[in-house]
Protein backbone atom coordinates (compact mmCIF):
# COMPACT_ATOMS: atom_id res chain seq x y z
CA MET A 1 23.37 11.86 -33.22
CA ALA A 2 22.84 8.81 -35.37
CA GLY A 3 21.10 6.03 -33.49
CA SER A 4 19.97 8.26 -30.66
CA GLU A 5 16.71 10.04 -30.02
CA SER A 6 16.57 13.73 -29.29
CA GLN A 7 15.55 14.44 -25.71
CA THR A 8 14.83 18.05 -26.63
CA GLN A 9 11.32 19.35 -26.01
CA ALA A 10 11.10 22.05 -28.68
CA THR A 11 8.52 24.77 -29.08
CA LEU A 12 7.26 24.79 -32.65
CA SER A 13 5.07 27.39 -34.32
CA GLU A 14 1.60 26.47 -35.54
CA ARG A 15 2.89 26.40 -39.13
CA GLU A 16 5.84 24.21 -38.14
CA LEU A 17 3.41 21.78 -36.47
CA GLN A 18 1.36 21.69 -39.68
CA VAL A 19 4.49 20.93 -41.72
CA LEU A 20 5.56 18.29 -39.18
CA ASP A 21 2.17 16.60 -39.40
CA LEU A 22 2.47 16.41 -43.19
CA VAL A 23 6.03 15.10 -42.99
CA ALA A 24 4.79 12.37 -40.64
CA ALA A 25 2.03 11.58 -43.18
CA GLY A 26 4.76 10.87 -45.74
CA LEU A 27 4.34 13.89 -48.00
CA THR A 28 7.28 15.29 -49.95
CA ASN A 29 8.27 18.93 -49.58
CA GLU A 30 6.64 19.70 -52.92
CA GLN A 31 3.38 18.02 -51.84
CA ILE A 32 3.46 19.91 -48.53
CA ALA A 33 3.96 23.18 -50.41
CA LYS A 34 0.94 22.50 -52.62
CA GLN A 35 -1.26 21.49 -49.68
CA LEU A 36 -0.33 24.53 -47.60
CA GLU A 37 -0.27 26.85 -50.65
CA ILE A 38 3.27 28.04 -49.97
CA SER A 39 6.50 27.70 -51.95
CA LYS A 40 8.68 24.62 -51.77
CA ARG A 41 11.54 26.85 -50.58
CA THR A 42 9.40 27.97 -47.64
CA VAL A 43 8.71 24.32 -46.78
CA ASP A 44 12.45 23.61 -47.04
CA ASN A 45 13.11 26.46 -44.62
CA HIS A 46 10.41 25.27 -42.18
CA ILE A 47 11.83 21.75 -42.18
CA SER A 48 15.36 23.04 -41.69
CA ASN A 49 14.17 25.12 -38.73
CA ILE A 50 12.25 22.19 -37.26
CA LEU A 51 15.28 19.88 -37.56
CA THR A 52 17.40 22.49 -35.78
CA LYS A 53 14.87 23.10 -33.00
CA THR A 54 14.32 19.39 -32.39
CA GLU A 55 18.03 18.54 -32.72
CA THR A 56 17.21 15.82 -35.22
CA ASP A 57 19.25 14.96 -38.30
CA ASN A 58 16.66 13.77 -40.84
CA ARG A 59 12.96 13.16 -41.49
CA VAL A 60 12.91 9.72 -39.90
CA ALA A 61 14.50 11.02 -36.69
CA LEU A 62 12.09 13.95 -36.79
CA VAL A 63 9.03 11.70 -37.00
CA ARG A 64 10.42 9.56 -34.16
CA TRP A 65 10.87 12.76 -32.13
CA ALA A 66 7.32 13.87 -32.95
CA LEU A 67 5.90 10.54 -31.83
CA GLN A 68 8.01 10.57 -28.67
CA TRP A 69 6.75 14.02 -27.71
CA GLY A 70 3.13 13.46 -28.77
CA LYS A 71 3.24 16.02 -31.57
CA VAL A 72 1.74 13.80 -34.29
CA CYS A 73 -0.84 11.07 -34.60
CA ILE A 74 -0.33 8.34 -37.20
CA ASN A 75 -3.26 6.04 -38.07
CA ASP A 76 -4.93 6.78 -34.71
CA VAL A 77 -1.77 5.71 -32.87
CA ASN A 78 -0.23 8.08 -30.35
CA CYS A 79 -3.16 10.46 -30.55
CA CYS A 80 -3.17 11.37 -26.89
CA PRO A 81 -0.70 13.95 -25.65
CA LEU A 82 2.03 12.22 -23.71
CA PRO A 83 3.10 13.43 -20.28
CA GLN A 84 6.00 15.79 -20.59
CA PRO A 85 9.16 15.35 -18.51
CA GLY A 86 8.67 17.02 -15.17
CA GLN A 87 4.88 16.70 -15.20
CA ALA A 88 3.21 14.62 -12.52
CA SER A 89 2.42 11.05 -13.48
CA PRO A 90 -0.79 9.35 -12.38
CA GLN A 91 -0.61 8.16 -8.80
CA PRO A 92 -0.70 4.42 -8.12
CA GLY A 93 -4.28 3.24 -8.61
CA GLN A 94 -5.07 6.21 -10.86
CA SER A 95 -4.61 4.85 -14.35
CA SER A 96 -5.28 6.95 -17.41
CA THR A 97 -5.06 3.86 -19.60
CA PHE A 98 -8.06 2.34 -21.34
CA ASN A 99 -7.83 -1.42 -20.94
CA GLY A 100 -10.47 -2.31 -23.54
CA PRO A 101 -14.24 -2.72 -23.75
CA GLY A 102 -15.92 -3.85 -20.57
CA THR A 103 -12.94 -3.02 -18.37
CA GLU A 104 -12.49 -0.03 -16.19
CA SER A 105 -9.41 1.20 -14.38
């Protein structure tokens, strides 16, 4: 799957989402374990399960997947949930985009 992005919308547990958020923040498995007060082996297992569920091969691909599906927010970027495939998009003239101060859509 190298060079491609997973198109899989996976359902992750609350704990897996916590681990994913910390992976996206750049923490190592040992740092994640300390922060969540669980063993490193448990973190390893969570990450392995997340990679399988998301059909990604490594942490970089996983973070790209998480950004693509609106699962993580990095430095206030991508903090709004993205529309999921199959959901209705805004109709023409109905923008959900903020165009900046003093502008309205």
